[in-house]
């Protein structure tokens, strides 16, 4: 999960959450939290984000369930007055959403939920299709499969998939929201990220087309462009990282720590954050995706960083000196 709120403020919100979870009957602490909560809009946004994460993952930990309910009650008390003031605007906004935009917004998540093939967070799933094509689903991936007498069609809704195609007279086409990819006897991966499709070709060739324009490229082995619905980015070398995950390995080849954390975070349940001061540090090595706690421990031995666990589902990576506080 991602948030646009400043990292330091998110950490404050997580600290408040942890304190209130541990001392739900401390009225002095509650008042101090309320003062912090009302100080700035960014504080309220950070609190909402922490709550959203906790609501998804707190049920896994019975020791904090009651505290989470108490925190929800505190939040409702703290924003009751603003909720009344914003009620009409909120209802109006929802009405406009319903009239103008709810179908496009909900279509992809709903289709992903009902997809033929799905992998859970932290899972790497291997499948063999009816034509003999082998595919691997990365963590949190959803894919539809549709074969008929004329063609073989795949549709990727979220996540990442690696394919090793089988010989078949029917064309195989993989669709994403940004375009389509037709392999010409090949092994390739497709990843969705922030409204873009990342193609990486390891064997053969792939004909890539943008969904919103006539742009197309035939991509040879060893390369992989990133594209949106209209244009292709530069043709860059295909990263071995985009294939190594199928073996349960996060391969870091002198990459920035921010990219490493983004990749590892896909395989963890909960929030994995990074202090911005560390984002440009470089990391190299192989790390296990089946045990992300072990990967984080390896990271601590490799770089001057400290893994800080404020809550079971809220983990951040901090500079070694500041993490001691």
C-alpha atoms as a PDB file:
ATOM      1  CA  UNK A   1       0.000   0.000   0.000  1.00  0.00           C
ATOM      2  CA  UNK A   2       1.170   3.500  -0.838  1.00  0.00           C
ATOM      3  CA  UNK A   3       0.475   6.923   0.615  1.00  0.00           C
ATOM      4  CA  UNK A   4       1.295  10.437  -0.566  1.00  0.00           C
ATOM      5  CA  UNK A   5       1.571  11.687   3.019  1.00  0.00           C
ATOM      6  CA  UNK A   6       5.033  12.675   4.305  1.00  0.00           C
ATOM      7  CA  UNK A   7       6.945   9.720   5.739  1.00  0.00           C
ATOM      8  CA  UNK A   8       7.637  11.425   9.088  1.00  0.00           C
ATOM      9  CA  UNK A   9       3.954  12.235   9.602  1.00  0.00           C
ATOM     10  CA  UNK A  10       2.979   8.684   8.718  1.00  0.00           C
ATOM     11  CA  UNK A  11       5.407   7.506  11.377  1.00  0.00           C
ATOM     12  CA  UNK A  12       3.795   9.830  13.925  1.00  0.00           C
ATOM     13  CA  UNK A  13       0.366   8.433  13.067  1.00  0.00           C
ATOM     14  CA  UNK A  14       1.630   4.857  13.404  1.00  0.00           C
ATOM     15  CA  UNK A  15       3.209   5.714  16.766  1.00  0.00           C
ATOM     16  CA  UNK A  16      -0.083   7.172  18.017  1.00  0.00           C
ATOM     17  CA  UNK A  17      -1.921   4.098  16.809  1.00  0.00           C
ATOM     18  CA  UNK A  18       0.496   1.777  18.599  1.00  0.00           C
ATOM     19  CA  UNK A  19       0.286   3.795  21.844  1.00  0.00           C
ATOM     20  CA  UNK A  20      -3.502   3.942  21.829  1.00  0.00           C
ATOM     21  CA  UNK A  21      -3.715   0.242  20.987  1.00  0.00           C
ATOM     22  CA  UNK A  22      -1.592  -0.503  24.033  1.00  0.00           C
ATOM     23  CA  UNK A  23      -3.383   1.922  26.387  1.00  0.00           C
ATOM     24  CA  UNK A  24      -6.972   2.319  25.116  1.00  0.00           C
ATOM     25  CA  UNK A  25      -8.251   3.583  28.510  1.00  0.00           C
ATOM     26  CA  UNK A  26      -5.641   6.322  28.954  1.00  0.00           C
ATOM     27  CA  UNK A  27      -7.727   9.521  28.663  1.00  0.00           C
ATOM     28  CA  UNK A  28      -4.682  11.806  28.852  1.00  0.00           C
ATOM     29  CA  UNK A  29      -3.141   9.954  25.937  1.00  0.00           C
ATOM     30  CA  UNK A  30      -6.427  10.170  24.059  1.00  0.00           C
ATOM     31  CA  UNK A  31      -6.562  13.951  24.514  1.00  0.00           C
ATOM     32  CA  UNK A  32      -2.971  14.317  23.335  1.00  0.00           C
ATOM     33  CA  UNK A  33      -3.792  12.262  20.263  1.00  0.00           C
ATOM     34  CA  UNK A  34      -6.843  14.414  19.539  1.00  0.00           C
ATOM     35  CA  UNK A  35      -4.729  17.576  19.705  1.00  0.00           C
ATOM     36  CA  UNK A  36      -2.223  16.074  17.286  1.00  0.00           C
ATOM     37  CA  UNK A  37      -5.023  14.846  15.033  1.00  0.00           C
ATOM     38  CA  UNK A  38      -6.537  18.345  14.770  1.00  0.00           C
ATOM     39  CA  UNK A  39      -3.267  20.201  14.173  1.00  0.00           C
ATOM     40  CA  UNK A  40      -3.083  19.737  10.421  1.00  0.00           C
ATOM     41  CA  UNK A  41      -4.888  18.132   7.521  1.00  0.00           C
ATOM     42  CA  UNK A  42      -1.816  15.999   6.808  1.00  0.00           C
ATOM     43  CA  UNK A  43      -2.164  14.479  10.298  1.00  0.00           C
ATOM     44  CA  UNK A  44      -5.737  13.486   9.558  1.00  0.00           C
ATOM     45  CA  UNK A  45      -4.764  12.033   6.185  1.00  0.00           C
ATOM     46  CA  UNK A  46      -1.972  10.035   7.797  1.00  0.00           C
ATOM     47  CA  UNK A  47      -4.341   8.727  10.467  1.00  0.00           C
ATOM     48  CA  UNK A  48      -6.859   7.622   7.836  1.00  0.00           C
ATOM     49  CA  UNK A  49      -4.109   5.769   5.984  1.00  0.00           C
ATOM     50  CA  UNK A  50      -2.881   3.989   9.127  1.00  0.00           C
ATOM     51  CA  UNK A  51      -6.464   3.054   9.965  1.00  0.00           C
ATOM     52  CA  UNK A  52      -7.009   1.697   6.480  1.00  0.00           C
ATOM     53  CA  UNK A  53      -3.929  -0.501   6.768  1.00  0.00           C
ATOM     54  CA  UNK A  54      -4.906  -1.667  10.257  1.00  0.00           C
ATOM     55  CA  UNK A  55      -8.440  -2.543   9.184  1.00  0.00           C
ATOM     56  CA  UNK A  56      -7.018  -4.856   6.529  1.00  0.00           C
ATOM     57  CA  UNK A  57      -4.419  -6.553   8.683  1.00  0.00           C
ATOM     58  CA  UNK A  58      -5.307  -6.097  12.376  1.00  0.00           C
ATOM     59  CA  UNK A  59      -7.780  -9.050  12.357  1.00  0.00           C
ATOM     60  CA  UNK A  60      -4.758 -11.315  11.924  1.00  0.00           C
ATOM     61  CA  UNK A  61      -3.642 -10.342  15.437  1.00  0.00           C
ATOM     62  CA  UNK A  62      -6.231 -10.981  18.150  1.00  0.00           C
ATOM     63  CA  UNK A  63      -4.297  -9.059  20.775  1.00  0.00           C
ATOM     64  CA  UNK A  64      -5.104  -5.737  19.141  1.00  0.00           C
ATOM     65  CA  UNK A  65      -8.638  -6.323  17.887  1.00  0.00           C
ATOM     66  CA  UNK A  66     -10.310  -4.680  20.867  1.00  0.00           C
ATOM     67  CA  UNK A  67      -7.890  -1.781  20.736  1.00  0.00           C
ATOM     68  CA  UNK A  68      -8.622  -1.272  17.048  1.00  0.00           C
ATOM     69  CA  UNK A  69     -12.325  -0.990  17.844  1.00  0.00           C
ATOM     70  CA  UNK A  70     -11.558   1.562  20.539  1.00  0.00           C
ATOM     71  CA  UNK A  71      -9.443   3.567  18.099  1.00  0.00           C
ATOM     72  CA  UNK A  72     -12.243   3.550  15.573  1.00  0.00           C
ATOM     73  CA  UNK A  73     -14.580   4.940  18.231  1.00  0.00           C
ATOM     74  CA  UNK A  74     -12.053   7.660  19.104  1.00  0.00           C
ATOM     75  CA  UNK A  75     -11.712   8.610  15.481  1.00  0.00           C
ATOM     76  CA  UNK A  76     -15.457   8.882  15.057  1.00  0.00           C
ATOM     77  CA  UNK A  77     -15.678  11.107  18.107  1.00  0.00           C
ATOM     78  CA  UNK A  78     -12.861  13.284  16.840  1.00  0.00           C
ATOM     79  CA  UNK A  79     -14.337  13.922  13.398  1.00  0.00           C
ATOM     80  CA  UNK A  80     -18.055  13.902  14.171  1.00  0.00           C
ATOM     81  CA  UNK A  81     -18.383  17.669  13.887  1.00  0.00           C
ATOM     82  CA  UNK A  82     -16.474  17.872  10.594  1.00  0.00           C
ATOM     83  CA  UNK A  83     -18.503  14.973   9.236  1.00  0.00           C
ATOM     84  CA  UNK A  84     -21.727  16.944   9.717  1.00  0.00           C
ATOM     85  CA  UNK A  85     -20.232  19.974   7.981  1.00  0.00           C
ATOM     86  CA  UNK A  86     -19.014  17.902   5.062  1.00  0.00           C
ATOM     87  CA  UNK A  87     -22.024  15.634   4.822  1.00  0.00           C
ATOM     88  CA  UNK A  88     -23.839  17.433   2.043  1.00  0.00           C
ATOM     89  CA  UNK A  89     -20.673  17.829  -0.014  1.00  0.00           C
ATOM     90  CA  UNK A  90     -19.849  14.167   0.467  1.00  0.00           C
ATOM     91  CA  UNK A  91     -23.294  13.017  -0.613  1.00  0.00           C
ATOM     92  CA  UNK A  92     -23.185  15.294  -3.642  1.00  0.00           C
ATOM     93  CA  UNK A  93     -19.741  14.010  -4.574  1.00  0.00           C
ATOM     94  CA  UNK A  94     -20.904  10.413  -4.259  1.00  0.00           C
ATOM     95  CA  UNK A  95     -23.873  11.189  -6.470  1.00  0.00           C
ATOM     96  CA  UNK A  96     -21.628  12.581  -9.172  1.00  0.00           C
ATOM     97  CA  UNK A  97     -19.367   9.574  -8.869  1.00  0.00           C
ATOM     98  CA  UNK A  98     -22.340   7.293  -9.272  1.00  0.00           C
ATOM     99  CA  UNK A  99     -23.649   9.154 -12.303  1.00  0.00           C
ATOM    100  CA  UNK A 100     -20.392   9.803 -14.097  1.00  0.00           C
ATOM    101  CA  UNK A 101     -17.633   7.489 -13.105  1.00  0.00           C
ATOM    102  CA  UNK A 102     -18.359   4.502 -10.877  1.00  0.00           C
ATOM    103  CA  UNK A 103     -18.269   1.885 -13.603  1.00  0.00           C
ATOM    104  CA  UNK A 104     -14.726   2.619 -14.873  1.00  0.00           C
ATOM    105  CA  UNK A 105     -13.470   2.923 -11.297  1.00  0.00           C
ATOM    106  CA  UNK A 106     -14.961  -0.355 -10.148  1.00  0.00           C
ATOM    107  CA  UNK A 107     -14.597  -2.469 -13.269  1.00  0.00           C
ATOM    108  CA  UNK A 108     -10.939  -3.481 -12.905  1.00  0.00           C
ATOM    109  CA  UNK A 109     -11.097  -4.374  -9.161  1.00  0.00           C
ATOM    110  CA  UNK A 110     -14.286  -6.374  -9.702  1.00  0.00           C
ATOM    111  CA  UNK A 111     -12.868  -8.212 -12.688  1.00  0.00           C
ATOM    112  CA  UNK A 112      -9.683  -8.947 -10.753  1.00  0.00           C
ATOM    113  CA  UNK A 113     -11.735 -10.353  -7.871  1.00  0.00           C
ATOM    114  CA  UNK A 114     -13.519 -12.727 -10.270  1.00  0.00           C
ATOM    115  CA  UNK A 115     -10.494 -13.577 -12.448  1.00  0.00           C
ATOM    116  CA  UNK A 116      -9.830 -17.152 -13.531  1.00  0.00           C
ATOM    117  CA  UNK A 117      -6.341 -17.225 -12.020  1.00  0.00           C
ATOM    118  CA  UNK A 118      -5.347 -15.337  -8.856  1.00  0.00           C
ATOM    119  CA  UNK A 119      -2.440 -15.363  -6.450  1.00  0.00           C
ATOM    120  CA  UNK A 120      -2.525 -14.147  -2.855  1.00  0.00           C
ATOM    121  CA  UNK A 121      -0.142 -11.643  -1.302  1.00  0.00           C
ATOM    122  CA  UNK A 122       3.226 -13.356  -0.884  1.00  0.00           C
ATOM    123  CA  UNK A 123       2.281 -16.258  -3.177  1.00  0.00           C
ATOM    124  CA  UNK A 124       3.992 -17.283  -6.411  1.00  0.00           C
ATOM    125  CA  UNK A 125       1.720 -19.605  -8.374  1.00  0.00           C
ATOM    126  CA  UNK A 126       2.643 -21.750 -11.395  1.00  0.00           C
ATOM    127  CA  UNK A 127       0.039 -22.847 -13.933  1.00  0.00           C
ATOM    128  CA  UNK A 128      -0.010 -24.845 -17.155  1.00  0.00           C
ATOM    129  CA  UNK A 129      -2.730 -23.810 -19.588  1.00  0.00           C
ATOM    130  CA  UNK A 130      -4.721 -26.108 -21.875  1.00  0.00           C
ATOM    131  CA  UNK A 131      -2.420 -25.371 -24.843  1.00  0.00           C
ATOM    132  CA  UNK A 132       0.700 -26.235 -22.844  1.00  0.00           C
ATOM    133  CA  UNK A 133       1.722 -22.640 -22.127  1.00  0.00           C
ATOM    134  CA  UNK A 134       3.369 -22.304 -18.722  1.00  0.00           C
ATOM    135  CA  UNK A 135       2.853 -19.201 -16.656  1.00  0.00           C
ATOM    136  CA  UNK A 136       3.838 -17.939 -13.239  1.00  0.00           C
ATOM    137  CA  UNK A 137       1.775 -15.450 -11.249  1.00  0.00           C
ATOM    138  CA  UNK A 138       3.642 -13.075  -8.951  1.00  0.00           C
ATOM    139  CA  UNK A 139       2.223 -11.923  -5.609  1.00  0.00           C
ATOM    140  CA  UNK A 140      -1.244 -10.372  -5.823  1.00  0.00           C
ATOM    141  CA  UNK A 141      -1.822 -11.139  -9.515  1.00  0.00           C
ATOM    142  CA  UNK A 142      -5.182 -11.604 -11.267  1.00  0.00           C
ATOM    143  CA  UNK A 143      -5.527 -12.963 -14.807  1.00  0.00           C
ATOM    144  CA  UNK A 144      -8.366 -14.133 -17.045  1.00  0.00           C
ATOM    145  CA  UNK A 145      -7.950 -16.937 -19.612  1.00  0.00           C
ATOM    146  CA  UNK A 146     -10.167 -17.388 -22.667  1.00  0.00           C
ATOM    147  CA  UNK A 147      -9.417 -19.911 -25.416  1.00  0.00           C
ATOM    148  CA  UNK A 148     -11.604 -20.618 -28.457  1.00  0.00           C
ATOM    149  CA  UNK A 149     -11.112 -22.156 -31.904  1.00  0.00           C
ATOM    150  CA  UNK A 150      -9.560 -18.986 -33.334  1.00  0.00           C
ATOM    151  CA  UNK A 151      -7.393 -17.430 -30.637  1.00  0.00           C
ATOM    152  CA  UNK A 152      -6.008 -17.627 -27.117  1.00  0.00           C
ATOM    153  CA  UNK A 153      -6.692 -14.555 -25.003  1.00  0.00           C
ATOM    154  CA  UNK A 154      -5.305 -13.543 -21.613  1.00  0.00           C
ATOM    155  CA  UNK A 155      -6.209 -10.405 -19.676  1.00  0.00           C
ATOM    156  CA  UNK A 156      -4.038  -9.148 -16.820  1.00  0.00           C
ATOM    157  CA  UNK A 157      -5.896  -7.015 -14.264  1.00  0.00           C
ATOM    158  CA  UNK A 158      -3.204  -6.571 -11.643  1.00  0.00           C
ATOM    159  CA  UNK A 159       0.226  -7.820 -10.631  1.00  0.00           C
ATOM    160  CA  UNK A 160       2.801  -9.532 -12.832  1.00  0.00           C
ATOM    161  CA  UNK A 161       2.939 -12.687 -14.934  1.00  0.00           C
ATOM    162  CA  UNK A 162       5.770 -14.613 -16.618  1.00  0.00           C
ATOM    163  CA  UNK A 163       4.895 -16.744 -19.655  1.00  0.00           C
ATOM    164  CA  UNK A 164       6.648 -19.488 -21.581  1.00  0.00           C
ATOM    165  CA  UNK A 165       4.405 -19.965 -24.610  1.00  0.00           C
ATOM    166  CA  UNK A 166       3.546 -23.265 -26.269  1.00  0.00           C
ATOM    167  CA  UNK A 167       3.457 -23.865 -30.011  1.00  0.00           C
ATOM    168  CA  UNK A 168      -0.110 -23.482 -31.283  1.00  0.00           C
ATOM    169  CA  UNK A 169      -1.583 -22.261 -34.613  1.00  0.00           C
ATOM    170  CA  UNK A 170      -3.942 -19.920 -32.755  1.00  0.00           C
ATOM    171  CA  UNK A 171      -2.482 -16.493 -31.917  1.00  0.00           C
ATOM    172  CA  UNK A 172      -1.945 -15.726 -28.224  1.00  0.00           C
ATOM    173  CA  UNK A 173      -2.680 -12.165 -27.082  1.00  0.00           C
ATOM    174  CA  UNK A 174      -2.283 -10.795 -23.570  1.00  0.00           C
ATOM    175  CA  UNK A 175      -4.270  -7.631 -22.825  1.00  0.00           C
ATOM    176  CA  UNK A 176      -3.703  -5.008 -20.140  1.00  0.00           C
ATOM    177  CA  UNK A 177      -5.482  -1.693 -19.616  1.00  0.00           C
ATOM    178  CA  UNK A 178      -2.648  -0.010 -21.558  1.00  0.00           C
ATOM    179  CA  UNK A 179      -2.495  -2.278 -24.590  1.00  0.00           C
ATOM    180  CA  UNK A 180      -1.948  -5.754 -25.985  1.00  0.00           C
ATOM    181  CA  UNK A 181       1.041  -8.075 -26.341  1.00  0.00           C
ATOM    182  CA  UNK A 182       1.281 -10.816 -28.931  1.00  0.00           C
ATOM    183  CA  UNK A 183       4.219 -13.200 -28.439  1.00  0.00           C
ATOM    184  CA  UNK A 184       5.897 -14.693 -31.479  1.00  0.00           C
ATOM    185  CA  UNK A 185       7.225 -17.901 -29.864  1.00  0.00           C
ATOM    186  CA  UNK A 186       8.694 -16.570 -26.684  1.00  0.00           C
ATOM    187  CA  UNK A 187       9.270 -16.263 -22.952  1.00  0.00           C
ATOM    188  CA  UNK A 188       8.343 -12.883 -21.532  1.00  0.00           C
ATOM    189  CA  UNK A 189       6.947 -11.103 -18.477  1.00  0.00           C
ATOM    190  CA  UNK A 190       4.317  -8.387 -18.089  1.00  0.00           C
ATOM    191  CA  UNK A 191       3.989  -6.240 -14.973  1.00  0.00           C
ATOM    192  CA  UNK A 192       1.422  -3.559 -14.120  1.00  0.00           C
ATOM    193  CA  UNK A 193       2.599  -0.560 -12.121  1.00  0.00           C
ATOM    194  CA  UNK A 194       1.113   2.912 -11.574  1.00  0.00           C
ATOM    195  CA  UNK A 195      -0.963   2.961 -14.747  1.00  0.00           C
ATOM    196  CA  UNK A 196       1.803   1.530 -16.936  1.00  0.00           C
ATOM    197  CA  UNK A 197       2.670  -1.844 -18.439  1.00  0.00           C
ATOM    198  CA  UNK A 198       6.260  -3.098 -18.219  1.00  0.00           C
ATOM    199  CA  UNK A 199       7.197  -5.673 -20.858  1.00  0.00           C
ATOM    200  CA  UNK A 200      10.371  -7.765 -20.556  1.00  0.00           C
ATOM    201  CA  UNK A 201      11.246 -10.210 -23.362  1.00  0.00           C
ATOM    202  CA  UNK A 202      13.671 -13.044 -22.553  1.00  0.00           C
ATOM    203  CA  UNK A 203      13.251 -15.266 -25.637  1.00  0.00           C
ATOM    204  CA  UNK A 204      11.743 -14.695 -29.087  1.00  0.00           C
ATOM    205  CA  UNK A 205       9.828 -11.498 -29.887  1.00  0.00           C
ATOM    206  CA  UNK A 206       6.661  -9.745 -28.721  1.00  0.00           C
ATOM    207  CA  UNK A 207       4.484  -7.389 -30.772  1.00  0.00           C
ATOM    208  CA  UNK A 208       3.244  -4.682 -28.383  1.00  0.00           C
ATOM    209  CA  UNK A 209       0.399  -2.284 -29.197  1.00  0.00           C
ATOM    210  CA  UNK A 210      -0.951   0.697 -27.238  1.00  0.00           C
ATOM    211  CA  UNK A 211      -4.692   0.612 -26.513  1.00  0.00           C
ATOM    212  CA  UNK A 212      -5.300   4.346 -27.015  1.00  0.00           C
ATOM    213  CA  UNK A 213      -3.262   4.976 -30.184  1.00  0.00           C
ATOM    214  CA  UNK A 214      -1.805   3.299 -33.252  1.00  0.00           C
ATOM    215  CA  UNK A 215       1.623   3.023 -31.637  1.00  0.00           C
ATOM    216  CA  UNK A 216       3.184  -0.428 -31.783  1.00  0.00           C
ATOM    217  CA  UNK A 217       6.630  -1.993 -31.416  1.00  0.00           C
ATOM    218  CA  UNK A 218       8.081  -5.406 -32.134  1.00  0.00           C
ATOM    219  CA  UNK A 219      10.327  -6.048 -29.123  1.00  0.00           C
ATOM    220  CA  UNK A 220      13.230  -8.514 -29.486  1.00  0.00           C
ATOM    221  CA  UNK A 221      14.713 -10.747 -26.797  1.00  0.00           C
ATOM    222  CA  UNK A 222      16.788  -8.945 -24.204  1.00  0.00           C
ATOM    223  CA  UNK A 223      14.705  -5.773 -24.186  1.00  0.00           C
ATOM    224  CA  UNK A 224      11.565  -4.435 -22.581  1.00  0.00           C
ATOM    225  CA  UNK A 225       9.779  -1.089 -22.922  1.00  0.00           C
ATOM    226  CA  UNK A 226       7.409   0.501 -20.447  1.00  0.00           C
ATOM    227  CA  UNK A 227       4.272   2.005 -21.963  1.00  0.00           C
ATOM    228  CA  UNK A 228       1.001   3.695 -21.098  1.00  0.00           C
ATOM    229  CA  UNK A 229      -2.132   3.658 -23.225  1.00  0.00           C
ATOM    230  CA  UNK A 230      -0.668   5.943 -25.895  1.00  0.00           C
ATOM    231  CA  UNK A 231       3.132   5.883 -26.075  1.00  0.00           C
ATOM    232  CA  UNK A 232       6.138   3.648 -25.524  1.00  0.00           C
ATOM    233  CA  UNK A 233       9.063   4.582 -23.328  1.00  0.00           C
ATOM    234  CA  UNK A 234      12.678   3.936 -24.331  1.00  0.00           C
ATOM    235  CA  UNK A 235      13.626   0.403 -25.306  1.00  0.00           C
ATOM    236  CA  UNK A 236      15.714  -0.669 -22.295  1.00  0.00           C
ATOM    237  CA  UNK A 237      17.454  -3.964 -21.423  1.00  0.00           C
ATOM    238  CA  UNK A 238      15.137  -6.569 -19.921  1.00  0.00           C
ATOM    239  CA  UNK A 239      15.962  -6.857 -16.223  1.00  0.00           C
ATOM    240  CA  UNK A 240      16.663 -10.385 -14.901  1.00  0.00           C
ATOM    241  CA  UNK A 241      14.676  -9.291 -11.823  1.00  0.00           C
ATOM    242  CA  UNK A 242      11.504  -9.600 -13.897  1.00  0.00           C
ATOM    243  CA  UNK A 243      12.209 -13.320 -14.303  1.00  0.00           C
ATOM    244  CA  UNK A 244      13.987 -14.222 -11.043  1.00  0.00           C
ATOM    245  CA  UNK A 245      10.864 -13.762  -8.886  1.00  0.00           C
ATOM    246  CA  UNK A 246       9.363 -16.906 -10.461  1.00  0.00           C
ATOM    247  CA  UNK A 247      12.066 -18.837  -8.575  1.00  0.00           C
ATOM    248  CA  UNK A 248      11.212 -17.091  -5.293  1.00  0.00           C
ATOM    249  CA  UNK A 249      14.175 -14.711  -5.517  1.00  0.00           C
ATOM    250  CA  UNK A 250      14.338 -10.924  -5.425  1.00  0.00           C
ATOM    251  CA  UNK A 251      17.409 -10.145  -7.505  1.00  0.00           C
ATOM    252  CA  UNK A 252      18.914  -6.750  -6.682  1.00  0.00           C
ATOM    253  CA  UNK A 253      21.526  -5.683  -9.219  1.00  0.00           C
ATOM    254  CA  UNK A 254      22.871  -2.413  -7.821  1.00  0.00           C
ATOM    255  CA  UNK A 255      19.374  -0.919  -7.668  1.00  0.00           C
ATOM    256  CA  UNK A 256      18.109   1.946  -5.525  1.00  0.00           C
ATOM    257  CA  UNK A 257      16.726   0.959  -2.151  1.00  0.00           C
ATOM    258  CA  UNK A 258      13.380   2.573  -2.978  1.00  0.00           C
ATOM    259  CA  UNK A 259      12.907   0.133  -5.856  1.00  0.00           C
ATOM    260  CA  UNK A 260      13.998  -2.789  -3.672  1.00  0.00           C
ATOM    261  CA  UNK A 261      11.442  -1.866  -0.995  1.00  0.00           C
ATOM    262  CA  UNK A 262       8.682  -1.482  -3.604  1.00  0.00           C
ATOM    263  CA  UNK A 263       9.423  -4.969  -4.962  1.00  0.00           C
ATOM    264  CA  UNK A 264       9.699  -6.608  -1.542  1.00  0.00           C
ATOM    265  CA  UNK A 265       6.566  -4.830  -0.311  1.00  0.00           C
ATOM    266  CA  UNK A 266       4.482  -6.637  -2.906  1.00  0.00           C
ATOM    267  CA  UNK A 267       5.197  -9.890  -1.065  1.00  0.00           C
ATOM    268  CA  UNK A 268       4.333  -8.651   2.442  1.00  0.00           C
ATOM    269  CA  UNK A 269       0.970  -8.313   4.127  1.00  0.00           C
ATOM    270  CA  UNK A 270       0.842  -4.820   5.569  1.00  0.00           C
ATOM    271  CA  UNK A 271       2.754  -1.591   5.085  1.00  0.00           C
ATOM    272  CA  UNK A 272       6.467  -1.477   4.281  1.00  0.00           C
ATOM    273  CA  UNK A 273       7.831   2.066   4.282  1.00  0.00           C
ATOM    274  CA  UNK A 274      11.195   3.694   3.632  1.00  0.00           C
ATOM    275  CA  UNK A 275      12.660   6.892   5.054  1.00  0.00           C
ATOM    276  CA  UNK A 276      13.184   9.203   2.029  1.00  0.00           C
ATOM    277  CA  UNK A 277      16.751   9.875   3.170  1.00  0.00           C
ATOM    278  CA  UNK A 278      17.580   6.271   2.226  1.00  0.00           C
ATOM    279  CA  UNK A 279      15.829   5.999  -1.106  1.00  0.00           C
ATOM    280  CA  UNK A 280      18.946   6.494  -3.261  1.00  0.00           C
ATOM    281  CA  UNK A 281      21.139   3.993  -1.426  1.00  0.00           C
ATOM    282  CA  UNK A 282      22.158   1.150  -3.728  1.00  0.00           C
ATOM    283  CA  UNK A 283      21.630  -2.525  -2.900  1.00  0.00           C
ATOM    284  CA  UNK A 284      23.006  -5.670  -4.515  1.00  0.00           C
ATOM    285  CA  UNK A 285      22.336  -9.335  -3.799  1.00  0.00           C
ATOM    286  CA  UNK A 286      19.677 -12.048  -3.851  1.00  0.00           C
ATOM    287  CA  UNK A 287      16.905 -12.015  -1.271  1.00  0.00           C
ATOM    288  CA  UNK A 288      14.171 -14.600  -0.513  1.00  0.00           C
ATOM    289  CA  UNK A 289      10.624 -13.639  -1.429  1.00  0.00           C
ATOM    290  CA  UNK A 290       9.115 -16.548   0.542  1.00  0.00           C
ATOM    291  CA  UNK A 291      10.426 -15.045   3.809  1.00  0.00           C
ATOM    292  CA  UNK A 292      10.396 -11.252   3.685  1.00  0.00           C
ATOM    293  CA  UNK A 293      11.404 -10.971   7.352  1.00  0.00           C
ATOM    294  CA  UNK A 294      14.595 -12.825   6.476  1.00  0.00           C
ATOM    295  CA  UNK A 295      15.094 -10.495   3.512  1.00  0.00           C
ATOM    296  CA  UNK A 296      14.766  -7.484   5.828  1.00  0.00           C
ATOM    297  CA  UNK A 297      17.259  -8.997   8.267  1.00  0.00           C
ATOM    298  CA  UNK A 298      19.695  -9.461   5.376  1.00  0.00           C
ATOM    299  CA  UNK A 299      19.127  -5.834   4.418  1.00  0.00           C
ATOM    300  CA  UNK A 300      20.109  -4.704   7.926  1.00  0.00           C
ATOM    301  CA  UNK A 301      23.366  -6.653   7.618  1.00  0.00           C
ATOM    302  CA  UNK A 302      24.089  -5.133   4.209  1.00  0.00           C
ATOM    303  CA  UNK A 303      23.308  -1.427   4.667  1.00  0.00           C
ATOM    304  CA  UNK A 304      23.420   1.126   7.535  1.00  0.00           C
ATOM    305  CA  UNK A 305      19.671   0.804   8.151  1.00  0.00           C
ATOM    306  CA  UNK A 306      17.369  -0.395  10.906  1.00  0.00           C
ATOM    307  CA  UNK A 307      14.044  -2.171  10.416  1.00  0.00           C
ATOM    308  CA  UNK A 308      11.508  -0.625  12.791  1.00  0.00           C
ATOM    309  CA  UNK A 309       8.339  -2.605  13.594  1.00  0.00           C
ATOM    310  CA  UNK A 310       5.832  -0.213  15.136  1.00  0.00           C
ATOM    311  CA  UNK A 311       2.951  -2.658  14.664  1.00  0.00           C
ATOM    312  CA  UNK A 312       2.865  -6.238  13.355  1.00  0.00           C
ATOM    313  CA  UNK A 313       1.570  -4.911  10.046  1.00  0.00           C
ATOM    314  CA  UNK A 314       3.482  -1.586   9.990  1.00  0.00           C
ATOM    315  CA  UNK A 315       7.194  -1.914   9.222  1.00  0.00           C
ATOM    316  CA  UNK A 316       9.557   0.857   8.129  1.00  0.00           C
ATOM    317  CA  UNK A 317      13.217   1.067   7.186  1.00  0.00           C
ATOM    318  CA  UNK A 318      15.035   3.941   8.910  1.00  0.00           C
ATOM    319  CA  UNK A 319      18.599   5.314   8.996  1.00  0.00           C
ATOM    320  CA  UNK A 320      20.582   3.390  11.573  1.00  0.00           C
ATOM    321  CA  UNK A 321      21.257   6.406  13.819  1.00  0.00           C
ATOM    322  CA  UNK A 322      17.697   7.792  13.920  1.00  0.00           C
ATOM    323  CA  UNK A 323      16.044   4.363  14.331  1.00  0.00           C
ATOM    324  CA  UNK A 324      17.479   4.007  17.823  1.00  0.00           C
ATOM    325  CA  UNK A 325      15.085   6.652  19.175  1.00  0.00           C
END
